[in-house]
Each structure stands twice: as structure tokens, then as C-alpha cells.
Amino acid sequence: MWFGVSFGFRHIDPNRIAGVIWSMERFSIIMGLLFMIAPVFAEQPSSGAETGIEGVISISPAQPGPSRVDAPSSKPLANTAFVVENEKGEVASFTTDDQGRFRTPLAPGHYQVSLKGRKSTIGRFGPFEADVASGKMTKVQWECDSGIR
């Protein structure tokens, strides 16, 4: 009651107000810290995405007959499917892009990569060997033999 008139307000304890303000300040500080460190975690890829094999596969000779000075001796092995195996069998497969590039995530270990579904005996399309270390992409550059001369 204020001068005998009640306005319906309850008495507010100043200590309670200070506690609410202190809680809001702590909350603001914590949220600010979270927003500052969030990009650090967002930029770090998971270990599975960062571990595996990537590279380029080419094929040579690119054309039959003698090598020509004005023509490349090899070309990218485009849009070709390969299988990845370890001692337990097939663990992954990938297809090269138009430039012969590929990237496949793999756990650390030793792998053999070869042409998927190979039926012809002409040419050499692997197996290629690769060792994948923990936390990194193993970079390779493999060349297949077309078998033409």
C-alpha cells in the first residue's frame, strides 16, 4: 500500500533483482563465448572425411602407334569405376570424374585399388597400392596401361 492506496504491485526484493541481472550477465558471457568458438569446430572436418585416398588416374598410351611430339602420351581415365579392397575384401568403390580425378574416404590402413568388373585381359588397370595414415588424405597419381601399341 502506498499512501493507503494499493496498486497491486508486490514488493520486489533488490537482492532478487541483482541475482537475475547477475544470471543474465553470466548467460550473455557464456553465449558470447559459444558464438566465438563455434566457427572453430565448424571448420574442422570429421576424421572420416579427412582420411582416405585422392588423386588422378590416367591412361597411356592414349593412341596407337608411335608417340607424337604434338600429342600427349597419356590422357585422364574419365568416368571409370574402381573398387577399393583391403585384406577383408571390398570396402569402397569410386568413379573418376571427367578429368580422371577421384576422392574416397577410407579408414587408416593398407588398400589395393583396381578396375571394377574387369573382363578384358588387355591393358593394366591396377591393382594399385595405397597406405592411408590417420587424419590425412593420401595423394596418388596412378597410370594405367591401355595395352595398345
N, C-alpha and C. Protein backbone atom coordinates (compact mmCIF):
# COMPACT_ATOMS: atom_id res chain seq x y z
N MET A 1 0.83 -1.17 0.00
CA MET A 1 0.00 0.00 0.00
C MET A 1 0.87 1.23 0.00
N TRP A 2 0.46 2.15 -0.79
CA TRP A 2 1.21 3.38 -0.88
C TRP A 2 0.27 4.51 -0.58
N PHE A 3 0.50 5.20 0.47
CA PHE A 3 -0.38 6.23 0.98
C PHE A 3 -1.82 5.74 1.08
N GLY A 4 -1.92 4.50 1.47
CA GLY A 4 -3.25 3.96 1.68
C GLY A 4 -3.90 3.44 0.42
N VAL A 5 -3.19 3.50 -0.73
CA VAL A 5 -3.78 3.04 -1.98
C VAL A 5 -2.94 1.84 -2.45
N SER A 6 -3.60 0.81 -2.86
CA SER A 6 -2.91 -0.38 -3.35
C SER A 6 -2.94 -0.39 -4.87
N PHE A 7 -1.79 -0.52 -5.47
CA PHE A 7 -1.72 -0.56 -6.93
C PHE A 7 -1.58 -2.00 -7.45
N GLY A 8 -1.58 -2.96 -6.59
CA GLY A 8 -1.49 -4.36 -6.99
C GLY A 8 -0.06 -4.83 -7.23
N PHE A 9 0.94 -4.00 -6.96
CA PHE A 9 2.33 -4.41 -7.13
C PHE A 9 2.79 -5.12 -5.87
N ARG A 10 3.58 -6.13 -6.10
CA ARG A 10 4.19 -6.79 -4.96
C ARG A 10 5.53 -6.16 -4.70
N HIS A 11 5.96 -6.29 -3.50
CA HIS A 11 7.27 -5.75 -3.13
C HIS A 11 8.34 -6.58 -3.84
N ILE A 12 9.28 -5.93 -4.51
CA ILE A 12 10.36 -6.61 -5.22
C ILE A 12 11.62 -6.47 -4.39
N ASP A 13 12.20 -7.61 -4.11
CA ASP A 13 13.41 -7.66 -3.30
C ASP A 13 14.61 -7.25 -4.16
N PRO A 14 15.39 -6.23 -3.76
CA PRO A 14 16.56 -5.80 -4.54
C PRO A 14 17.60 -6.91 -4.71
N ASN A 15 17.74 -7.80 -3.75
CA ASN A 15 18.69 -8.90 -3.87
C ASN A 15 18.28 -9.87 -4.98
N ARG A 16 16.97 -10.03 -5.11
CA ARG A 16 16.48 -10.92 -6.16
C ARG A 16 16.74 -10.31 -7.54
N ILE A 17 16.55 -9.02 -7.68
CA ILE A 17 16.83 -8.32 -8.94
C ILE A 17 18.31 -8.46 -9.28
N ALA A 18 19.18 -8.27 -8.31
CA ALA A 18 20.62 -8.38 -8.54
C ALA A 18 20.97 -9.80 -8.98
N GLY A 19 20.33 -10.80 -8.42
CA GLY A 19 20.59 -12.20 -8.82
C GLY A 19 20.17 -12.46 -10.25
N VAL A 20 19.04 -11.90 -10.67
CA VAL A 20 18.57 -12.07 -12.04
C VAL A 20 19.53 -11.38 -13.00
N ILE A 21 19.96 -10.17 -12.66
CA ILE A 21 20.89 -9.44 -13.52
C ILE A 21 22.21 -10.20 -13.61
N TRP A 22 22.70 -10.73 -12.50
CA TRP A 22 23.95 -11.48 -12.49
C TRP A 22 23.80 -12.74 -13.36
N SER A 23 22.65 -13.42 -13.28
CA SER A 23 22.42 -14.61 -14.10
C SER A 23 22.38 -14.25 -15.58
N MET A 24 21.77 -13.13 -15.91
CA MET A 24 21.71 -12.70 -17.31
C MET A 24 23.10 -12.34 -17.83
N GLU A 25 23.92 -11.73 -16.98
CA GLU A 25 25.29 -11.39 -17.40
C GLU A 25 26.09 -12.66 -17.66
N ARG A 26 25.98 -13.64 -16.78
CA ARG A 26 26.68 -14.91 -16.98
C ARG A 26 26.20 -15.60 -18.25
N PHE A 27 24.89 -15.59 -18.47
CA PHE A 27 24.32 -16.19 -19.67
C PHE A 27 24.86 -15.50 -20.92
N SER A 28 24.91 -14.18 -20.91
CA SER A 28 25.42 -13.42 -22.06
C SER A 28 26.88 -13.74 -22.33
N ILE A 29 27.67 -13.85 -21.27
CA ILE A 29 29.09 -14.16 -21.43
C ILE A 29 29.26 -15.56 -22.01
N ILE A 30 28.53 -16.51 -21.49
CA ILE A 30 28.62 -17.89 -21.98
C ILE A 30 28.20 -17.97 -23.45
N MET A 31 27.09 -17.32 -23.79
CA MET A 31 26.62 -17.33 -25.18
C MET A 31 27.63 -16.65 -26.10
N GLY A 32 28.23 -15.57 -25.66
CA GLY A 32 29.24 -14.89 -26.46
C GLY A 32 30.44 -15.79 -26.74
N LEU A 33 30.88 -16.49 -25.70
CA LEU A 33 32.00 -17.43 -25.88
C LEU A 33 31.63 -18.56 -26.84
N LEU A 34 30.42 -19.09 -26.73
CA LEU A 34 30.00 -20.15 -27.64
C LEU A 34 29.97 -19.67 -29.09
N PHE A 35 29.48 -18.46 -29.32
CA PHE A 35 29.45 -17.92 -30.68
C PHE A 35 30.86 -17.68 -31.22
N MET A 36 31.80 -17.36 -30.34
CA MET A 36 33.17 -17.12 -30.80
C MET A 36 33.89 -18.42 -31.16
N ILE A 37 33.63 -19.51 -30.41
CA ILE A 37 34.35 -20.75 -30.68
C ILE A 37 33.60 -21.67 -31.65
N ALA A 38 32.36 -21.44 -31.93
CA ALA A 38 31.59 -22.29 -32.84
C ALA A 38 32.22 -22.40 -34.22
N PRO A 39 32.71 -21.31 -34.84
CA PRO A 39 33.33 -21.46 -36.16
C PRO A 39 34.57 -22.35 -36.16
N VAL A 40 35.28 -22.39 -35.06
CA VAL A 40 36.47 -23.23 -34.98
C VAL A 40 36.08 -24.69 -35.15
N PHE A 41 35.01 -25.12 -34.48
CA PHE A 41 34.56 -26.50 -34.59
C PHE A 41 33.89 -26.77 -35.92
N ALA A 42 33.21 -25.79 -36.48
CA ALA A 42 32.53 -25.97 -37.76
C ALA A 42 33.52 -26.14 -38.90
N GLU A 43 34.70 -25.54 -38.84
CA GLU A 43 35.68 -25.61 -39.91
C GLU A 43 36.47 -26.90 -39.88
N GLN A 44 36.46 -27.61 -38.78
CA GLN A 44 37.24 -28.84 -38.69
C GLN A 44 36.39 -29.99 -39.20
N PRO A 45 36.81 -30.62 -40.32
CA PRO A 45 36.05 -31.75 -40.82
C PRO A 45 36.21 -32.96 -39.91
N SER A 46 35.26 -33.86 -40.01
CA SER A 46 35.36 -35.05 -39.20
C SER A 46 36.52 -35.90 -39.70
N SER A 47 37.03 -36.76 -38.85
CA SER A 47 38.21 -37.54 -39.21
C SER A 47 37.94 -38.45 -40.39
N GLY A 48 36.70 -38.99 -40.53
CA GLY A 48 36.40 -39.84 -41.67
C GLY A 48 36.47 -39.10 -42.98
N ALA A 49 36.08 -37.82 -43.08
CA ALA A 49 36.13 -37.05 -44.29
C ALA A 49 37.52 -36.62 -44.64
N GLU A 50 38.38 -36.62 -43.64
CA GLU A 50 39.74 -36.16 -43.86
C GLU A 50 40.70 -37.32 -44.12
N THR A 51 40.28 -38.52 -43.94
CA THR A 51 41.15 -39.67 -44.10
C THR A 51 40.70 -40.49 -45.30
N GLY A 52 41.63 -40.79 -46.21
CA GLY A 52 41.29 -41.59 -47.38
C GLY A 52 42.31 -41.43 -48.48
N ILE A 53 41.85 -41.63 -49.72
CA ILE A 53 42.72 -41.54 -50.90
C ILE A 53 42.11 -40.54 -51.87
N GLU A 54 42.95 -39.71 -52.47
CA GLU A 54 42.51 -38.82 -53.53
C GLU A 54 43.62 -38.71 -54.56
N GLY A 55 43.24 -38.45 -55.80
CA GLY A 55 44.26 -38.31 -56.81
C GLY A 55 43.71 -38.32 -58.22
N VAL A 56 44.60 -38.67 -59.16
CA VAL A 56 44.27 -38.67 -60.58
C VAL A 56 44.72 -40.00 -61.18
N ILE A 57 43.87 -40.55 -62.03
CA ILE A 57 44.23 -41.77 -62.75
C ILE A 57 44.24 -41.43 -64.24
N SER A 58 45.35 -41.76 -64.89
CA SER A 58 45.46 -41.51 -66.33
C SER A 58 45.73 -42.83 -67.04
N ILE A 59 45.67 -42.80 -68.36
CA ILE A 59 45.90 -43.99 -69.16
C ILE A 59 46.84 -43.66 -70.31
N SER A 60 47.75 -44.59 -70.57
CA SER A 60 48.67 -44.40 -71.69
C SER A 60 49.01 -45.77 -72.28
N PRO A 61 49.41 -45.85 -73.51
CA PRO A 61 49.39 -44.75 -74.46
C PRO A 61 47.96 -44.34 -74.80
N ALA A 62 47.81 -43.06 -75.11
CA ALA A 62 46.49 -42.51 -75.39
C ALA A 62 46.01 -42.89 -76.79
N GLN A 63 46.93 -43.23 -77.66
CA GLN A 63 46.56 -43.60 -79.03
C GLN A 63 47.55 -44.64 -79.55
N PRO A 64 47.11 -45.46 -80.50
CA PRO A 64 48.03 -46.48 -81.02
C PRO A 64 49.11 -45.87 -81.91
N GLY A 65 50.14 -46.64 -82.10
CA GLY A 65 51.22 -46.21 -82.99
C GLY A 65 52.31 -45.48 -82.24
N PRO A 66 53.25 -44.92 -82.99
CA PRO A 66 54.37 -44.24 -82.35
C PRO A 66 53.93 -42.95 -81.64
N SER A 67 54.69 -42.56 -80.64
CA SER A 67 54.41 -41.32 -79.92
C SER A 67 54.58 -40.13 -80.86
N ARG A 68 53.75 -39.14 -80.69
CA ARG A 68 53.82 -37.93 -81.50
C ARG A 68 54.22 -36.76 -80.61
N VAL A 69 55.04 -35.90 -81.12
CA VAL A 69 55.51 -34.74 -80.36
C VAL A 69 54.35 -33.80 -80.06
N ASP A 70 53.42 -33.66 -80.98
CA ASP A 70 52.31 -32.72 -80.83
C ASP A 70 51.10 -33.30 -80.09
N ALA A 71 51.17 -34.55 -79.63
CA ALA A 71 50.04 -35.19 -78.95
C ALA A 71 50.51 -35.72 -77.59
N PRO A 72 49.65 -35.60 -76.58
CA PRO A 72 50.03 -36.11 -75.26
C PRO A 72 50.13 -37.64 -75.29
N SER A 73 51.04 -38.17 -74.50
CA SER A 73 51.21 -39.62 -74.46
C SER A 73 50.18 -40.30 -73.55
N SER A 74 49.58 -39.53 -72.66
CA SER A 74 48.56 -40.09 -71.78
C SER A 74 47.37 -39.13 -71.71
N LYS A 75 46.25 -39.64 -71.19
CA LYS A 75 45.07 -38.81 -71.00
C LYS A 75 44.36 -39.27 -69.72
N PRO A 76 43.51 -38.40 -69.15
CA PRO A 76 42.79 -38.79 -67.93
C PRO A 76 41.88 -39.99 -68.21
N LEU A 77 41.81 -40.89 -67.27
CA LEU A 77 40.90 -42.04 -67.36
C LEU A 77 39.56 -41.58 -66.79
N ALA A 78 38.72 -41.05 -67.66
CA ALA A 78 37.47 -40.40 -67.25
C ALA A 78 36.33 -41.38 -67.01
N ASN A 79 35.51 -41.05 -66.01
CA ASN A 79 34.26 -41.77 -65.73
C ASN A 79 34.43 -43.29 -65.69
N THR A 80 35.39 -43.72 -64.92
CA THR A 80 35.71 -45.15 -64.83
C THR A 80 35.58 -45.59 -63.37
N ALA A 81 34.92 -46.73 -63.17
CA ALA A 81 34.67 -47.24 -61.81
C ALA A 81 35.84 -48.11 -61.33
N PHE A 82 36.22 -47.90 -60.07
CA PHE A 82 37.28 -48.68 -59.43
C PHE A 82 36.74 -49.23 -58.11
N VAL A 83 37.35 -50.30 -57.65
CA VAL A 83 37.00 -50.91 -56.38
C VAL A 83 38.21 -50.82 -55.45
N VAL A 84 37.93 -50.60 -54.16
CA VAL A 84 38.97 -50.50 -53.13
C VAL A 84 38.82 -51.70 -52.21
N GLU A 85 39.93 -52.42 -52.01
CA GLU A 85 39.90 -53.61 -51.17
C GLU A 85 41.01 -53.58 -50.13
N ASN A 86 40.74 -54.23 -49.00
CA ASN A 86 41.79 -54.48 -48.01
C ASN A 86 41.85 -55.98 -47.79
N GLU A 87 42.50 -56.43 -46.74
CA GLU A 87 42.65 -57.87 -46.51
C GLU A 87 41.32 -58.58 -46.27
N LYS A 88 40.28 -57.84 -45.92
CA LYS A 88 38.97 -58.43 -45.67
C LYS A 88 38.07 -58.45 -46.90
N GLY A 89 38.47 -57.77 -47.96
CA GLY A 89 37.66 -57.73 -49.18
C GLY A 89 37.32 -56.30 -49.57
N GLU A 90 36.28 -56.15 -50.37
CA GLU A 90 35.89 -54.83 -50.88
C GLU A 90 35.37 -53.94 -49.75
N VAL A 91 35.90 -52.71 -49.68
CA VAL A 91 35.48 -51.78 -48.63
C VAL A 91 34.87 -50.50 -49.21
N ALA A 92 35.15 -50.21 -50.48
CA ALA A 92 34.61 -48.99 -51.09
C ALA A 92 34.75 -49.09 -52.60
N SER A 93 34.09 -48.16 -53.27
CA SER A 93 34.27 -48.03 -54.71
C SER A 93 34.12 -46.55 -55.05
N PHE A 94 34.63 -46.16 -56.20
CA PHE A 94 34.52 -44.78 -56.65
C PHE A 94 34.57 -44.75 -58.17
N THR A 95 34.16 -43.63 -58.72
CA THR A 95 34.22 -43.41 -60.16
C THR A 95 34.98 -42.12 -60.40
N THR A 96 35.93 -42.16 -61.33
CA THR A 96 36.70 -40.96 -61.65
C THR A 96 35.79 -39.94 -62.36
N ASP A 97 36.15 -38.66 -62.26
CA ASP A 97 35.37 -37.63 -62.95
C ASP A 97 35.90 -37.45 -64.38
N ASP A 98 35.47 -36.42 -65.07
CA ASP A 98 35.87 -36.18 -66.46
C ASP A 98 37.37 -35.96 -66.61
N GLN A 99 38.03 -35.54 -65.54
CA GLN A 99 39.48 -35.29 -65.58
C GLN A 99 40.29 -36.42 -64.94
N GLY A 100 39.64 -37.55 -64.65
CA GLY A 100 40.33 -38.68 -64.05
C GLY A 100 40.55 -38.55 -62.55
N ARG A 101 39.97 -37.51 -61.95
CA ARG A 101 40.16 -37.27 -60.50
C ARG A 101 39.17 -38.10 -59.69
N PHE A 102 39.57 -38.38 -58.46
CA PHE A 102 38.69 -39.09 -57.53
C PHE A 102 39.08 -38.73 -56.10
N ARG A 103 38.17 -39.00 -55.19
CA ARG A 103 38.39 -38.81 -53.76
C ARG A 103 37.46 -39.78 -53.05
N THR A 104 38.04 -40.60 -52.18
CA THR A 104 37.20 -41.56 -51.45
C THR A 104 37.66 -41.64 -50.00
N PRO A 105 36.73 -41.47 -49.06
CA PRO A 105 37.09 -41.58 -47.64
C PRO A 105 37.32 -43.04 -47.25
N LEU A 106 38.39 -43.25 -46.50
CA LEU A 106 38.73 -44.59 -46.02
C LEU A 106 39.35 -44.49 -44.63
N ALA A 107 39.18 -45.53 -43.87
CA ALA A 107 39.83 -45.62 -42.56
C ALA A 107 41.32 -45.86 -42.78
N PRO A 108 42.16 -45.54 -41.81
CA PRO A 108 43.59 -45.83 -41.95
C PRO A 108 43.82 -47.31 -42.22
N GLY A 109 44.79 -47.59 -43.10
CA GLY A 109 45.12 -48.98 -43.42
C GLY A 109 45.78 -49.10 -44.78
N HIS A 110 45.98 -50.33 -45.20
CA HIS A 110 46.61 -50.64 -46.49
C HIS A 110 45.53 -51.11 -47.46
N TYR A 111 45.54 -50.57 -48.69
CA TYR A 111 44.48 -50.86 -49.66
C TYR A 111 45.06 -51.19 -51.03
N GLN A 112 44.27 -51.93 -51.82
CA GLN A 112 44.54 -52.17 -53.22
C GLN A 112 43.36 -51.63 -54.01
N VAL A 113 43.66 -50.91 -55.09
CA VAL A 113 42.63 -50.31 -55.93
C VAL A 113 42.77 -50.89 -57.33
N SER A 114 41.65 -51.36 -57.89
CA SER A 114 41.68 -51.92 -59.25
C SER A 114 40.37 -51.62 -59.97
N LEU A 115 40.40 -51.80 -61.28
CA LEU A 115 39.24 -51.55 -62.13
C LEU A 115 38.08 -52.44 -61.69
N LYS A 116 36.90 -51.85 -61.57
CA LYS A 116 35.73 -52.60 -61.12
C LYS A 116 35.15 -53.40 -62.29
N GLY A 117 34.86 -54.66 -62.03
CA GLY A 117 34.21 -55.51 -63.03
C GLY A 117 35.07 -55.78 -64.25
N ARG A 118 36.34 -55.89 -64.08
CA ARG A 118 37.26 -56.10 -65.20
C ARG A 118 36.97 -57.43 -65.89
N LYS A 119 36.81 -57.37 -67.24
CA LYS A 119 36.55 -58.58 -68.00
C LYS A 119 37.62 -58.82 -69.07
N SER A 120 38.24 -57.76 -69.55
CA SER A 120 39.24 -57.87 -70.61
C SER A 120 40.62 -58.16 -70.03
N THR A 121 41.44 -58.84 -70.80
CA THR A 121 42.81 -59.12 -70.37
C THR A 121 43.80 -58.13 -70.98
N ILE A 122 43.31 -57.25 -71.83
CA ILE A 122 44.19 -56.26 -72.47
C ILE A 122 44.32 -55.06 -71.55
N GLY A 123 45.55 -54.62 -71.36
CA GLY A 123 45.81 -53.45 -70.52
C GLY A 123 46.01 -53.79 -69.07
N ARG A 124 46.49 -52.80 -68.34
CA ARG A 124 46.71 -52.96 -66.90
C ARG A 124 46.03 -51.79 -66.17
N PHE A 125 45.07 -52.11 -65.31
CA PHE A 125 44.28 -51.10 -64.58
C PHE A 125 44.37 -51.35 -63.08
N GLY A 126 45.56 -51.64 -62.62
CA GLY A 126 45.78 -51.93 -61.21
C GLY A 126 46.05 -53.42 -61.07
N PRO A 127 46.17 -53.92 -59.87
CA PRO A 127 45.90 -53.19 -58.63
C PRO A 127 47.02 -52.21 -58.28
N PHE A 128 46.58 -51.08 -57.75
CA PHE A 128 47.48 -50.06 -57.24
C PHE A 128 47.44 -50.15 -55.72
N GLU A 129 48.55 -49.89 -55.09
CA GLU A 129 48.65 -49.99 -53.63
C GLU A 129 48.62 -48.59 -53.02
N ALA A 130 47.99 -48.48 -51.86
CA ALA A 130 47.96 -47.20 -51.14
C ALA A 130 47.90 -47.46 -49.64
N ASP A 131 48.67 -46.69 -48.90
CA ASP A 131 48.63 -46.73 -47.44
C ASP A 131 47.99 -45.43 -46.96
N VAL A 132 46.93 -45.57 -46.17
CA VAL A 132 46.22 -44.41 -45.63
C VAL A 132 46.61 -44.23 -44.18
N ALA A 133 47.12 -43.04 -43.87
CA ALA A 133 47.50 -42.72 -42.50
C ALA A 133 46.35 -41.99 -41.81
N SER A 134 46.31 -42.09 -40.52
CA SER A 134 45.26 -41.46 -39.73
C SER A 134 45.29 -39.94 -39.87
N GLY A 135 44.13 -39.35 -40.15
CA GLY A 135 43.99 -37.90 -40.17
C GLY A 135 44.49 -37.21 -41.42
N LYS A 136 44.73 -37.95 -42.52
CA LYS A 136 45.16 -37.26 -43.74
C LYS A 136 44.68 -38.00 -44.98
N MET A 137 44.58 -37.24 -46.07
CA MET A 137 44.25 -37.82 -47.36
C MET A 137 45.55 -38.22 -48.04
N THR A 138 45.65 -39.46 -48.47
CA THR A 138 46.81 -39.92 -49.21
C THR A 138 46.64 -39.51 -50.66
N LYS A 139 47.60 -38.75 -51.19
CA LYS A 139 47.52 -38.27 -52.56
C LYS A 139 48.27 -39.23 -53.48
N VAL A 140 47.61 -39.63 -54.58
CA VAL A 140 48.21 -40.58 -55.51
C VAL A 140 48.06 -40.07 -56.94
N GLN A 141 48.91 -40.59 -57.80
CA GLN A 141 48.84 -40.34 -59.23
C GLN A 141 49.18 -41.66 -59.90
N TRP A 142 48.15 -42.33 -60.41
CA TRP A 142 48.34 -43.65 -60.99
C TRP A 142 48.16 -43.59 -62.50
N GLU A 143 48.93 -44.44 -63.20
CA GLU A 143 48.81 -44.51 -64.65
C GLU A 143 48.50 -45.94 -65.06
N CYS A 144 47.40 -46.08 -65.79
CA CYS A 144 47.01 -47.39 -66.32
C CYS A 144 47.64 -47.56 -67.70
N ASP A 145 47.83 -48.81 -68.07
CA ASP A 145 48.37 -49.14 -69.38
C ASP A 145 47.21 -49.61 -70.26
N SER A 146 46.95 -48.90 -71.35
CA SER A 146 45.83 -49.22 -72.22
C SER A 146 46.05 -50.53 -72.96
N GLY A 147 47.30 -50.95 -73.10
CA GLY A 147 47.59 -52.20 -73.79
C GLY A 147 47.71 -52.03 -75.29
N ILE A 148 47.44 -50.84 -75.80
CA ILE A 148 47.59 -50.62 -77.25
C ILE A 148 48.99 -50.16 -77.56
N ARG A 149 49.48 -50.54 -78.70
CA ARG A 149 50.84 -50.14 -79.09
C ARG A 149 50.84 -49.62 -80.50
